[in-house]
Amino acid sequence: MSSILLVEDDRLSRANIARYFKNAGHSVEVAADGESAIELIARIPFDVVVSDLQLPGMVNGIDVLMQQKRASPAGAVLLITAFGAEDIKAQADSIGALYFEKPLWLPDLLQKVTGICP
């Protein structure tokens, strides 16, 4: 069982993805914005952080994933976004994040998470 932080501002998407991960046996914490995610990262060591790119507030998904890499260099990071631009893919790649475009196919996302979790 791996510990996952899911950062997604859409309530329904957040609930569905979290439930999917939990049903697969993972421990899941959720955050609706980047500020909350960074607070959780400071308190809890996560094996994986999965974050949407566009989040409300001043902290976006790249910021969240960079904080996770500073807090836990061995932790895995995944970026999910509806905005599939090459510069975003390059940013994700530069911090070692896997990249997924919405709409998500949850079995693929789970397979990646399961493959990178300790």
PDB file of N, CA and C in Angstrom:
ATOM      1  N   MET A   1       0.854  -1.178   0.000  1.00  0.00           N
ATOM      2  CA  MET A   1       0.000   0.000   0.000  1.00  0.00           C
ATOM      3  C   MET A   1       0.895   1.235   0.000  1.00  0.00           C
ATOM      4  N   SER A   2       0.597   2.161  -0.871  1.00  0.00           N
ATOM      5  CA  SER A   2       1.372   3.388  -0.983  1.00  0.00           C
ATOM      6  C   SER A   2       0.542   4.572  -0.534  1.00  0.00           C
ATOM      7  N   SER A   3       1.243   5.604  -0.080  1.00  0.00           N
ATOM      8  CA  SER A   3       0.548   6.822   0.330  1.00  0.00           C
ATOM      9  C   SER A   3       0.573   7.817  -0.836  1.00  0.00           C
ATOM     10  N   ILE A   4      -0.611   8.293  -1.177  1.00  0.00           N
ATOM     11  CA  ILE A   4      -0.782   9.175  -2.324  1.00  0.00           C
ATOM     12  C   ILE A   4      -1.443  10.464  -1.864  1.00  0.00           C
ATOM     13  N   LEU A   5      -0.936  11.591  -2.366  1.00  0.00           N
ATOM     14  CA  LEU A   5      -1.617  12.871  -2.222  1.00  0.00           C
ATOM     15  C   LEU A   5      -2.187  13.214  -3.577  1.00  0.00           C
ATOM     16  N   LEU A   6      -3.498  13.412  -3.628  1.00  0.00           N
ATOM     17  CA  LEU A   6      -4.183  13.802  -4.847  1.00  0.00           C
ATOM     18  C   LEU A   6      -4.602  15.261  -4.716  1.00  0.00           C
ATOM     19  N   VAL A   7      -4.150  16.089  -5.645  1.00  0.00           N
ATOM     20  CA  VAL A   7      -4.456  17.510  -5.631  1.00  0.00           C
ATOM     21  C   VAL A   7      -5.293  17.816  -6.875  1.00  0.00           C
ATOM     22  N   GLU A   8      -6.561  18.088  -6.655  1.00  0.00           N
ATOM     23  CA  GLU A   8      -7.514  18.317  -7.756  1.00  0.00           C
ATOM     24  C   GLU A   8      -8.579  19.273  -7.255  1.00  0.00           C
ATOM     25  N   ASP A   9      -8.817  20.348  -8.003  1.00  0.00           N
ATOM     26  CA  ASP A   9      -9.787  21.343  -7.545  1.00  0.00           C
ATOM     27  C   ASP A   9     -11.235  20.973  -7.865  1.00  0.00           C
ATOM     28  N   ASP A  10     -11.441  20.106  -8.827  1.00  0.00           N
ATOM     29  CA  ASP A  10     -12.812  19.697  -9.158  1.00  0.00           C
ATOM     30  C   ASP A  10     -13.256  18.626  -8.156  1.00  0.00           C
ATOM     31  N   ARG A  11     -14.280  18.948  -7.388  1.00  0.00           N
ATOM     32  CA  ARG A  11     -14.744  18.080  -6.303  1.00  0.00           C
ATOM     33  C   ARG A  11     -15.100  16.683  -6.776  1.00  0.00           C
ATOM     34  N   LEU A  12     -15.847  16.573  -7.863  1.00  0.00           N
ATOM     35  CA  LEU A  12     -16.276  15.272  -8.362  1.00  0.00           C
ATOM     36  C   LEU A  12     -15.091  14.453  -8.870  1.00  0.00           C
ATOM     37  N   SER A  13     -14.220  15.079  -9.622  1.00  0.00           N
ATOM     38  CA  SER A  13     -13.023  14.374 -10.111  1.00  0.00           C
ATOM     39  C   SER A  13     -12.160  13.914  -8.949  1.00  0.00           C
ATOM     40  N   ARG A  14     -11.972  14.798  -7.969  1.00  0.00           N
ATOM     41  CA  ARG A  14     -11.161  14.467  -6.790  1.00  0.00           C
ATOM     42  C   ARG A  14     -11.738  13.246  -6.081  1.00  0.00           C
ATOM     43  N   ALA A  15     -13.045  13.237  -5.873  1.00  0.00           N
ATOM     44  CA  ALA A  15     -13.696  12.116  -5.183  1.00  0.00           C
ATOM     45  C   ALA A  15     -13.571  10.824  -5.982  1.00  0.00           C
ATOM     46  N   ASN A  16     -13.775  10.888  -7.286  1.00  0.00           N
ATOM     47  CA  ASN A  16     -13.722   9.688  -8.119  1.00  0.00           C
ATOM     48  C   ASN A  16     -12.321   9.091  -8.188  1.00  0.00           C
ATOM     49  N   ILE A  17     -11.321   9.954  -8.391  1.00  0.00           N
ATOM     50  CA  ILE A  17      -9.951   9.456  -8.478  1.00  0.00           C
ATOM     51  C   ILE A  17      -9.506   8.897  -7.128  1.00  0.00           C
ATOM     52  N   ALA A  18      -9.807   9.613  -6.048  1.00  0.00           N
ATOM     53  CA  ALA A  18      -9.432   9.135  -4.710  1.00  0.00           C
ATOM     54  C   ALA A  18     -10.073   7.783  -4.419  1.00  0.00           C
ATOM     55  N   ARG A  19     -11.336   7.641  -4.737  1.00  0.00           N
ATOM     56  CA  ARG A  19     -12.029   6.366  -4.504  1.00  0.00           C
ATOM     57  C   ARG A  19     -11.376   5.252  -5.324  1.00  0.00           C
ATOM     58  N   TYR A  20     -11.021   5.544  -6.556  1.00  0.00           N
ATOM     59  CA  TYR A  20     -10.397   4.552  -7.422  1.00  0.00           C
ATOM     60  C   TYR A  20      -9.073   4.075  -6.824  1.00  0.00           C
ATOM     61  N   PHE A  21      -8.250   5.016  -6.348  1.00  0.00           N
ATOM     62  CA  PHE A  21      -6.984   4.644  -5.718  1.00  0.00           C
ATOM     63  C   PHE A  21      -7.214   3.866  -4.434  1.00  0.00           C
ATOM     64  N   LYS A  22      -8.162   4.292  -3.619  1.00  0.00           N
ATOM     65  CA  LYS A  22      -8.455   3.598  -2.352  1.00  0.00           C
ATOM     66  C   LYS A  22      -8.940   2.182  -2.612  1.00  0.00           C
ATOM     67  N   ASN A  23      -9.792   2.013  -3.604  1.00  0.00           N
ATOM     68  CA  ASN A  23     -10.292   0.679  -3.938  1.00  0.00           C
ATOM     69  C   ASN A  23      -9.181  -0.253  -4.414  1.00  0.00           C
ATOM     70  N   ALA A  24      -8.099   0.346  -4.914  1.00  0.00           N
ATOM     71  CA  ALA A  24      -6.943  -0.447  -5.348  1.00  0.00           C
ATOM     72  C   ALA A  24      -5.977  -0.708  -4.190  1.00  0.00           C
ATOM     73  N   GLY A  25      -6.317  -0.222  -2.986  1.00  0.00           N
ATOM     74  CA  GLY A  25      -5.525  -0.521  -1.810  1.00  0.00           C
ATOM     75  C   GLY A  25      -4.547   0.547  -1.371  1.00  0.00           C
ATOM     76  N   HIS A  26      -4.600   1.722  -1.970  1.00  0.00           N
ATOM     77  CA  HIS A  26      -3.684   2.797  -1.603  1.00  0.00           C
ATOM     78  C   HIS A  26      -4.283   3.679  -0.513  1.00  0.00           C
ATOM     79  N   SER A  27      -3.412   4.293   0.255  1.00  0.00           N
ATOM     80  CA  SER A  27      -3.807   5.302   1.233  1.00  0.00           C
ATOM     81  C   SER A  27      -3.801   6.647   0.514  1.00  0.00           C
ATOM     82  N   VAL A  28      -4.913   7.400   0.602  1.00  0.00           N
ATOM     83  CA  VAL A  28      -5.048   8.628  -0.176  1.00  0.00           C
ATOM     84  C   VAL A  28      -5.452   9.800   0.711  1.00  0.00           C
ATOM     85  N   GLU A  29      -4.709  10.887   0.582  1.00  0.00           N
ATOM     86  CA  GLU A  29      -5.083  12.185   1.140  1.00  0.00           C
ATOM     87  C   GLU A  29      -5.444  13.063  -0.048  1.00  0.00           C
ATOM     88  N   VAL A  30      -6.321  14.023   0.167  1.00  0.00           N
ATOM     89  CA  VAL A  30      -6.725  14.907  -0.922  1.00  0.00           C
ATOM     90  C   VAL A  30      -6.560  16.365  -0.528  1.00  0.00           C
ATOM     91  N   ALA A  31      -6.355  17.196  -1.540  1.00  0.00           N
ATOM     92  CA  ALA A  31      -6.293  18.641  -1.365  1.00  0.00           C
ATOM     93  C   ALA A  31      -6.986  19.272  -2.569  1.00  0.00           C
ATOM     94  N   ALA A  32      -7.700  20.373  -2.320  1.00  0.00           N
ATOM     95  CA  ALA A  32      -8.433  21.059  -3.375  1.00  0.00           C
ATOM     96  C   ALA A  32      -7.658  22.231  -3.973  1.00  0.00           C
ATOM     97  N   ASP A  33      -6.528  22.583  -3.356  1.00  0.00           N
ATOM     98  CA  ASP A  33      -5.738  23.699  -3.872  1.00  0.00           C
ATOM     99  C   ASP A  33      -4.267  23.471  -3.528  1.00  0.00           C
ATOM    100  N   GLY A  34      -3.412  24.263  -4.157  1.00  0.00           N
ATOM    101  CA  GLY A  34      -1.981  24.091  -3.970  1.00  0.00           C
ATOM    102  C   GLY A  34      -1.485  24.417  -2.581  1.00  0.00           C
ATOM    103  N   GLU A  35      -2.052  25.435  -1.969  1.00  0.00           N
ATOM    104  CA  GLU A  35      -1.628  25.817  -0.622  1.00  0.00           C
ATOM    105  C   GLU A  35      -1.872  24.686   0.371  1.00  0.00           C
ATOM    106  N   SER A  36      -3.050  24.081   0.296  1.00  0.00           N
ATOM    107  CA  SER A  36      -3.366  22.943   1.181  1.00  0.00           C
ATOM    108  C   SER A  36      -2.446  21.762   0.905  1.00  0.00           C
ATOM    109  N   ALA A  37      -2.141  21.542  -0.357  1.00  0.00           N
ATOM    110  CA  ALA A  37      -1.257  20.435  -0.722  1.00  0.00           C
ATOM    111  C   ALA A  37       0.132  20.631  -0.126  1.00  0.00           C
ATOM    112  N   ILE A  38       0.647  21.844  -0.206  1.00  0.00           N
ATOM    113  CA  ILE A  38       1.979  22.118   0.321  1.00  0.00           C
ATOM    114  C   ILE A  38       2.001  21.940   1.836  1.00  0.00           C
ATOM    115  N   GLU A  39       0.927  22.323   2.517  1.00  0.00           N
ATOM    116  CA  GLU A  39       0.835  22.101   3.958  1.00  0.00           C
ATOM    117  C   GLU A  39       0.877  20.605   4.285  1.00  0.00           C
ATOM    118  N   LEU A  40       0.151  19.802   3.495  1.00  0.00           N
ATOM    119  CA  LEU A  40       0.149  18.358   3.724  1.00  0.00           C
ATOM    120  C   LEU A  40       1.526  17.753   3.460  1.00  0.00           C
ATOM    121  N   ILE A  41       2.178  18.202   2.397  1.00  0.00           N
ATOM    122  CA  ILE A  41       3.510  17.687   2.055  1.00  0.00           C
ATOM    123  C   ILE A  41       4.498  17.979   3.180  1.00  0.00           C
ATOM    124  N   ALA A  42       4.343  19.124   3.835  1.00  0.00           N
ATOM    125  CA  ALA A  42       5.240  19.487   4.942  1.00  0.00           C
ATOM    126  C   ALA A  42       5.037  18.598   6.166  1.00  0.00           C
ATOM    127  N   ARG A  43       3.843  18.022   6.314  1.00  0.00           N
ATOM    128  CA  ARG A  43       3.516  17.222   7.498  1.00  0.00           C
ATOM    129  C   ARG A  43       3.577  15.715   7.277  1.00  0.00           C
ATOM    130  N   ILE A  44       3.325  15.282   6.056  1.00  0.00           N
ATOM    131  CA  ILE A  44       3.164  13.852   5.784  1.00  0.00           C
ATOM    132  C   ILE A  44       4.083  13.434   4.639  1.00  0.00           C
ATOM    133  N   PRO A  45       4.864  12.382   4.813  1.00  0.00           N
ATOM    134  CA  PRO A  45       5.667  11.888   3.687  1.00  0.00           C
ATOM    135  C   PRO A  45       4.789  11.053   2.746  1.00  0.00           C
ATOM    136  N   PHE A  46       4.729  11.441   1.498  1.00  0.00           N
ATOM    137  CA  PHE A  46       3.938  10.724   0.494  1.00  0.00           C
ATOM    138  C   PHE A  46       4.860   9.977  -0.457  1.00  0.00           C
ATOM    139  N   ASP A  47       4.426   8.793  -0.857  1.00  0.00           N
ATOM    140  CA  ASP A  47       5.150   8.053  -1.885  1.00  0.00           C
ATOM    141  C   ASP A  47       4.943   8.695  -3.251  1.00  0.00           C
ATOM    142  N   VAL A  48       3.728   9.193  -3.481  1.00  0.00           N
ATOM    143  CA  VAL A  48       3.358   9.761  -4.775  1.00  0.00           C
ATOM    144  C   VAL A  48       2.479  10.989  -4.555  1.00  0.00           C
ATOM    145  N   VAL A  49       2.724  12.023  -5.356  1.00  0.00           N
ATOM    146  CA  VAL A  49       1.819  13.164  -5.410  1.00  0.00           C
ATOM    147  C   VAL A  49       1.312  13.276  -6.841  1.00  0.00           C
ATOM    148  N   VAL A  50      -0.005  13.273  -6.975  1.00  0.00           N
ATOM    149  CA  VAL A  50      -0.671  13.442  -8.259  1.00  0.00           C
ATOM    150  C   VAL A  50      -1.380  14.789  -8.193  1.00  0.00           C
ATOM    151  N   SER A  51      -1.015  15.711  -9.095  1.00  0.00           N
ATOM    152  CA  SER A  51      -1.587  17.049  -9.019  1.00  0.00           C
ATOM    153  C   SER A  51      -2.077  17.529 -10.377  1.00  0.00           C
ATOM    154  N   ASP A  52      -3.229  18.183 -10.327  1.00  0.00           N
ATOM    155  CA  ASP A  52      -3.723  18.921 -11.476  1.00  0.00           C
ATOM    156  C   ASP A  52      -2.801  20.119 -11.676  1.00  0.00           C
ATOM    157  N   LEU A  53      -2.688  20.611 -12.888  1.00  0.00           N
ATOM    158  CA  LEU A  53      -1.857  21.786 -13.154  1.00  0.00           C
ATOM    159  C   LEU A  53      -2.534  23.063 -12.678  1.00  0.00           C
ATOM    160  N   GLN A  54      -3.754  23.290 -13.138  1.00  0.00           N
ATOM    161  CA  GLN A  54      -4.474  24.523 -12.822  1.00  0.00           C
ATOM    162  C   GLN A  54      -5.203  24.352 -11.499  1.00  0.00           C
ATOM    163  N   LEU A  55      -4.789  25.127 -10.505  1.00  0.00           N
ATOM    164  CA  LEU A  55      -5.394  25.065  -9.173  1.00  0.00           C
ATOM    165  C   LEU A  55      -5.773  26.478  -8.742  1.00  0.00           C
ATOM    166  N   PRO A  56      -6.791  26.608  -7.906  1.00  0.00           N
ATOM    167  CA  PRO A  56      -7.141  27.936  -7.411  1.00  0.00           C
ATOM    168  C   PRO A  56      -6.041  28.463  -6.481  1.00  0.00           C
ATOM    169  N   GLY A  57      -5.917  29.764  -6.420  1.00  0.00           N
ATOM    170  CA  GLY A  57      -4.912  30.371  -5.549  1.00  0.00           C
ATOM    171  C   GLY A  57      -3.626  30.654  -6.288  1.00  0.00           C
ATOM    172  N   MET A  58      -2.591  30.882  -5.517  1.00  0.00           N
ATOM    173  CA  MET A  58      -1.302  31.306  -6.068  1.00  0.00           C
ATOM    174  C   MET A  58      -0.341  30.147  -6.368  1.00  0.00           C
ATOM    175  N   VAL A  59      -0.703  28.939  -5.984  1.00  0.00           N
ATOM    176  CA  VAL A  59       0.186  27.784  -6.144  1.00  0.00           C
ATOM    177  C   VAL A  59      -0.410  26.847  -7.184  1.00  0.00           C
ATOM    178  N   ASN A  60       0.348  26.571  -8.257  1.00  0.00           N
ATOM    179  CA  ASN A  60      -0.158  25.663  -9.289  1.00  0.00           C
ATOM    180  C   ASN A  60       0.425  24.258  -9.095  1.00  0.00           C
ATOM    181  N   GLY A  61       0.050  23.357  -9.966  1.00  0.00           N
ATOM    182  CA  GLY A  61       0.477  21.966  -9.840  1.00  0.00           C
ATOM    183  C   GLY A  61       1.975  21.766  -9.952  1.00  0.00           C
ATOM    184  N   ILE A  62       2.646  22.531 -10.808  1.00  0.00           N
ATOM    185  CA  ILE A  62       4.101  22.434 -10.924  1.00  0.00           C
ATOM    186  C   ILE A  62       4.751  22.814  -9.598  1.00  0.00           C
ATOM    187  N   ASP A  63       4.238  23.885  -8.966  1.00  0.00           N
ATOM    188  CA  ASP A  63       4.766  24.298  -7.657  1.00  0.00           C
ATOM    189  C   ASP A  63       4.609  23.187  -6.621  1.00  0.00           C
ATOM    190  N   VAL A  64       3.444  22.542  -6.629  1.00  0.00           N
ATOM    191  CA  VAL A  64       3.185  21.446  -5.683  1.00  0.00           C
ATOM    192  C   VAL A  64       4.170  20.306  -5.911  1.00  0.00           C
ATOM    193  N   LEU A  65       4.362  19.930  -7.161  1.00  0.00           N
ATOM    194  CA  LEU A  65       5.248  18.808  -7.458  1.00  0.00           C
ATOM    195  C   LEU A  65       6.700  19.143  -7.126  1.00  0.00           C
ATOM    196  N   MET A  66       7.106  20.392  -7.359  1.00  0.00           N
ATOM    197  CA  MET A  66       8.456  20.809  -6.994  1.00  0.00           C
ATOM    198  C   MET A  66       8.649  20.741  -5.480  1.00  0.00           C
ATOM    199  N   GLN A  67       7.632  21.120  -4.718  1.00  0.00           N
ATOM    200  CA  GLN A  67       7.715  21.036  -3.257  1.00  0.00           C
ATOM    201  C   GLN A  67       7.841  19.580  -2.816  1.00  0.00           C
ATOM    202  N   GLN A  68       7.097  18.693  -3.448  1.00  0.00           N
ATOM    203  CA  GLN A  68       7.195  17.264  -3.126  1.00  0.00           C
ATOM    204  C   GLN A  68       8.607  16.753  -3.402  1.00  0.00           C
ATOM    205  N   LYS A  69       9.203  17.161  -4.510  1.00  0.00           N
ATOM    206  CA  LYS A  69      10.553  16.700  -4.839  1.00  0.00           C
ATOM    207  C   LYS A  69      11.577  17.232  -3.838  1.00  0.00           C
ATOM    208  N   ARG A  70      11.357  18.442  -3.318  1.00  0.00           N
ATOM    209  CA  ARG A  70      12.262  18.977  -2.290  1.00  0.00           C
ATOM    210  C   ARG A  70      12.069  18.226  -0.976  1.00  0.00           C
ATOM    211  N   ALA A  71      10.824  17.960  -0.620  1.00  0.00           N
ATOM    212  CA  ALA A  71      10.523  17.299   0.654  1.00  0.00           C
ATOM    213  C   ALA A  71      10.890  15.818   0.630  1.00  0.00           C
ATOM    214  N   SER A  72      10.699  15.189  -0.501  1.00  0.00           N
ATOM    215  CA  SER A  72      10.932  13.751  -0.618  1.00  0.00           C
ATOM    216  C   SER A  72      11.501  13.455  -2.010  1.00  0.00           C
ATOM    217  N   PRO A  73      12.814  13.624  -2.184  1.00  0.00           N
ATOM    218  CA  PRO A  73      13.415  13.458  -3.508  1.00  0.00           C
ATOM    219  C   PRO A  73      13.122  12.114  -4.174  1.00  0.00           C
ATOM    220  N   ALA A  74      12.933  11.079  -3.380  1.00  0.00           N
ATOM    221  CA  ALA A  74      12.645   9.762  -3.956  1.00  0.00           C
ATOM    222  C   ALA A  74      11.172   9.585  -4.298  1.00  0.00           C
ATOM    223  N   GLY A  75      10.320  10.491  -3.830  1.00  0.00           N
ATOM    224  CA  GLY A  75       8.891  10.394  -4.103  1.00  0.00           C
ATOM    225  C   GLY A  75       8.582  10.645  -5.569  1.00  0.00           C
ATOM    226  N   ALA A  76       7.555  10.006  -6.048  1.00  0.00           N
ATOM    227  CA  ALA A  76       7.150  10.160  -7.439  1.00  0.00           C
ATOM    228  C   ALA A  76       6.128  11.281  -7.576  1.00  0.00           C
ATOM    229  N   VAL A  77       6.143  11.929  -8.735  1.00  0.00           N
ATOM    230  CA  VAL A  77       5.201  13.021  -8.994  1.00  0.00           C
ATOM    231  C   VAL A  77       4.569  12.829 -10.369  1.00  0.00           C
ATOM    232  N   LEU A  78       3.258  13.094 -10.410  1.00  0.00           N
ATOM    233  CA  LEU A  78       2.512  12.996 -11.656  1.00  0.00           C
ATOM    234  C   LEU A  78       1.697  14.263 -11.843  1.00  0.00           C
ATOM    235  N   LEU A  79       1.724  14.818 -13.045  1.00  0.00           N
ATOM    236  CA  LEU A  79       0.969  16.011 -13.373  1.00  0.00           C
ATOM    237  C   LEU A  79      -0.184  15.630 -14.289  1.00  0.00           C
ATOM    238  N   ILE A  80      -1.382  16.092 -13.932  1.00  0.00           N
ATOM    239  CA  ILE A  80      -2.547  15.879 -14.797  1.00  0.00           C
ATOM    240  C   ILE A  80      -3.063  17.244 -15.228  1.00  0.00           C
ATOM    241  N   THR A  81      -3.443  17.347 -16.504  1.00  0.00           N
ATOM    242  CA  THR A  81      -3.887  18.637 -17.008  1.00  0.00           C
ATOM    243  C   THR A  81      -4.759  18.486 -18.241  1.00  0.00           C
ATOM    244  N   ALA A  82      -5.607  19.466 -18.428  1.00  0.00           N
ATOM    245  CA  ALA A  82      -6.416  19.546 -19.647  1.00  0.00           C
ATOM    246  C   ALA A  82      -5.719  20.424 -20.679  1.00  0.00           C
ATOM    247  N   PHE A  83      -4.596  21.024 -20.295  1.00  0.00           N
ATOM    248  CA  PHE A  83      -3.885  21.959 -21.156  1.00  0.00           C
ATOM    249  C   PHE A  83      -2.614  21.308 -21.670  1.00  0.00           C
ATOM    250  N   GLY A  84      -2.723  20.617 -22.794  1.00  0.00           N
ATOM    251  CA  GLY A  84      -1.615  19.829 -23.319  1.00  0.00           C
ATOM    252  C   GLY A  84      -0.661  20.612 -24.187  1.00  0.00           C
ATOM    253  N   ALA A  85       0.065  21.555 -23.614  1.00  0.00           N
ATOM    254  CA  ALA A  85       1.037  22.340 -24.358  1.00  0.00           C
ATOM    255  C   ALA A  85       2.433  21.763 -24.171  1.00  0.00           C
ATOM    256  N   GLU A  86       3.264  21.932 -25.175  1.00  0.00           N
ATOM    257  CA  GLU A  86       4.629  21.396 -25.118  1.00  0.00           C
ATOM    258  C   GLU A  86       5.442  22.000 -23.984  1.00  0.00           C
ATOM    259  N   ASP A  87       5.230  23.284 -23.678  1.00  0.00           N
ATOM    260  CA  ASP A  87       6.012  23.893 -22.598  1.00  0.00           C
ATOM    261  C   ASP A  87       5.637  23.298 -21.243  1.00  0.00           C
ATOM    262  N   ILE A  88       4.376  22.921 -21.087  1.00  0.00           N
ATOM    263  CA  ILE A  88       3.952  22.287 -19.832  1.00  0.00           C
ATOM    264  C   ILE A  88       4.567  20.891 -19.726  1.00  0.00           C
ATOM    265  N   LYS A  89       4.571  20.167 -20.831  1.00  0.00           N
ATOM    266  CA  LYS A  89       5.206  18.849 -20.836  1.00  0.00           C
ATOM    267  C   LYS A  89       6.689  18.970 -20.501  1.00  0.00           C
ATOM    268  N   ALA A  90       7.340  19.998 -21.036  1.00  0.00           N
ATOM    269  CA  ALA A  90       8.759  20.209 -20.765  1.00  0.00           C
ATOM    270  C   ALA A  90       8.986  20.542 -19.292  1.00  0.00           C
ATOM    271  N   GLN A  91       8.117  21.362 -18.706  1.00  0.00           N
ATOM    272  CA  GLN A  91       8.230  21.673 -17.278  1.00  0.00           C
ATOM    273  C   GLN A  91       8.073  20.417 -16.436  1.00  0.00           C
ATOM    274  N   ALA A  92       7.072  19.612 -16.767  1.00  0.00           N
ATOM    275  CA  ALA A  92       6.848  18.371 -16.030  1.00  0.00           C
ATOM    276  C   ALA A  92       8.073  17.462 -16.141  1.00  0.00           C
ATOM    277  N   ASP A  93       8.597  17.341 -17.325  1.00  0.00           N
ATOM    278  CA  ASP A  93       9.765  16.490 -17.553  1.00  0.00           C
ATOM    279  C   ASP A  93      10.975  17.002 -16.781  1.00  0.00           C
ATOM    280  N   SER A  94      11.133  18.319 -16.691  1.00  0.00           N
ATOM    281  CA  SER A  94      12.301  18.895 -16.025  1.00  0.00           C
ATOM    282  C   SER A  94      12.340  18.579 -14.525  1.00  0.00           C
ATOM    283  N   ILE A  95      11.177  18.308 -13.932  1.00  0.00           N
ATOM    284  CA  ILE A  95      11.166  17.941 -12.507  1.00  0.00           C
ATOM    285  C   ILE A  95      10.947  16.444 -12.301  1.00  0.00           C
ATOM    286  N   GLY A  96      10.967  15.705 -13.391  1.00  0.00           N
ATOM    287  CA  GLY A  96      10.832  14.257 -13.290  1.00  0.00           C
ATOM    288  C   GLY A  96       9.409  13.777 -13.104  1.00  0.00           C
ATOM    289  N   ALA A  97       8.452  14.597 -13.521  1.00  0.00           N
ATOM    290  CA  ALA A  97       7.033  14.231 -13.356  1.00  0.00           C
ATOM    291  C   ALA A  97       6.524  13.472 -14.576  1.00  0.00           C
ATOM    292  N   LEU A  98       5.724  12.459 -14.313  1.00  0.00           N
ATOM    293  CA  LEU A  98       4.968  11.833 -15.388  1.00  0.00           C
ATOM    294  C   LEU A  98       3.816  12.765 -15.735  1.00  0.00           C
ATOM    295  N   TYR A  99       3.359  12.711 -16.965  1.00  0.00           N
ATOM    296  CA  TYR A  99       2.404  13.683 -17.485  1.00  0.00           C
ATOM    297  C   TYR A  99       1.189  12.958 -18.048  1.00  0.00           C
ATOM    298  N   PHE A 100      -0.005  13.385 -17.625  1.00  0.00           N
ATOM    299  CA  PHE A 100      -1.248  12.803 -18.120  1.00  0.00           C
ATOM    300  C   PHE A 100      -2.196  13.918 -18.555  1.00  0.00           C
ATOM    301  N   GLU A 101      -2.770  13.762 -19.735  1.00  0.00           N
ATOM    302  CA  GLU A 101      -3.751  14.734 -20.209  1.00  0.00           C
ATOM    303  C   GLU A 101      -5.149  14.254 -19.876  1.00  0.00           C
ATOM    304  N   LYS A 102      -6.003  15.208 -19.530  1.00  0.00           N
ATOM    305  CA  LYS A 102      -7.421  14.924 -19.300  1.00  0.00           C
ATOM    306  C   LYS A 102      -8.119  14.865 -20.653  1.00  0.00           C
ATOM    307  N   PRO A 103      -9.151  14.098 -20.799  1.00  0.00           N
ATOM    308  CA  PRO A 103      -9.777  13.279 -19.764  1.00  0.00           C
ATOM    309  C   PRO A 103      -8.898  12.079 -19.413  1.00  0.00           C
ATOM    310  N   LEU A 104      -8.892  11.752 -18.131  1.00  0.00           N
ATOM    311  CA  LEU A 104      -8.059  10.668 -17.630  1.00  0.00           C
ATOM    312  C   LEU A 104      -8.717   9.320 -17.847  1.00  0.00           C
ATOM    313  N   TRP A 105      -7.917   8.341 -18.138  1.00  0.00           N
ATOM    314  CA  TRP A 105      -8.354   6.950 -18.140  1.00  0.00           C
ATOM    315  C   TRP A 105      -7.773   6.358 -16.868  1.00  0.00           C
ATOM    316  N   LEU A 106      -8.604   6.201 -15.856  1.00  0.00           N
ATOM    317  CA  LEU A 106      -8.138   5.833 -14.526  1.00  0.00           C
ATOM    318  C   LEU A 106      -7.328   4.544 -14.477  1.00  0.00           C
ATOM    319  N   PRO A 107      -7.658   3.510 -15.258  1.00  0.00           N
ATOM    320  CA  PRO A 107      -6.788   2.321 -15.222  1.00  0.00           C
ATOM    321  C   PRO A 107      -5.343   2.627 -15.633  1.00  0.00           C
ATOM    322  N   ASP A 108      -5.146   3.507 -16.614  1.00  0.00           N
ATOM    323  CA  ASP A 108      -3.787   3.885 -17.014  1.00  0.00           C
ATOM    324  C   ASP A 108      -3.079   4.642 -15.900  1.00  0.00           C
ATOM    325  N   LEU A 109      -3.795   5.576 -15.269  1.00  0.00           N
ATOM    326  CA  LEU A 109      -3.222   6.349 -14.173  1.00  0.00           C
ATOM    327  C   LEU A 109      -2.843   5.417 -13.012  1.00  0.00           C
ATOM    328  N   LEU A 110      -3.725   4.518 -12.658  1.00  0.00           N
ATOM    329  CA  LEU A 110      -3.453   3.568 -11.583  1.00  0.00           C
ATOM    330  C   LEU A 110      -2.269   2.674 -11.927  1.00  0.00           C
ATOM    331  N   GLN A 111      -2.171   2.237 -13.159  1.00  0.00           N
ATOM    332  CA  GLN A 111      -1.058   1.394 -13.575  1.00  0.00           C
ATOM    333  C   GLN A 111       0.270   2.129 -13.393  1.00  0.00           C
ATOM    334  N   LYS A 112       0.315   3.398 -13.753  1.00  0.00           N
ATOM    335  CA  LYS A 112       1.549   4.174 -13.575  1.00  0.00           C
ATOM    336  C   LYS A 112       1.867   4.345 -12.091  1.00  0.00           C
ATOM    337  N   VAL A 113       0.854   4.687 -11.297  1.00  0.00           N
ATOM    338  CA  VAL A 113       1.052   4.865  -9.859  1.00  0.00           C
ATOM    339  C   VAL A 113       1.541   3.562  -9.241  1.00  0.00           C
ATOM    340  N   THR A 114       0.922   2.462  -9.581  1.00  0.00           N
ATOM    341  CA  THR A 114       1.298   1.169  -9.040  1.00  0.00           C
ATOM    342  C   THR A 114       2.711   0.789  -9.471  1.00  0.00           C
ATOM    343  N   GLY A 115       3.079   1.144 -10.686  1.00  0.00           N
ATOM    344  CA  GLY A 115       4.403   0.812 -11.193  1.00  0.00           C
ATOM    345  C   GLY A 115       5.532   1.598 -10.556  1.00  0.00           C
ATOM    346  N   ILE A 116       5.219   2.791 -10.039  1.00  0.00           N
ATOM    347  CA  ILE A 116       6.281   3.621  -9.460  1.00  0.00           C
ATOM    348  C   ILE A 116       6.281   3.604  -7.945  1.00  0.00           C
ATOM    349  N   CYS A 117       5.243   3.074  -7.348  1.00  0.00           N
ATOM    350  CA  CYS A 117       5.166   3.046  -5.885  1.00  0.00           C
ATOM    351  C   CYS A 117       6.082   1.970  -5.339  1.00  0.00           C
ATOM    352  N   PRO A 118       6.666   2.232  -4.163  1.00  0.00           N
ATOM    353  CA  PRO A 118       7.535   1.225  -3.550  1.00  0.00           C
ATOM    354  C   PRO A 118       6.758  -0.003  -3.114  1.00  0.00           C
TER     355      PRO A 118
END
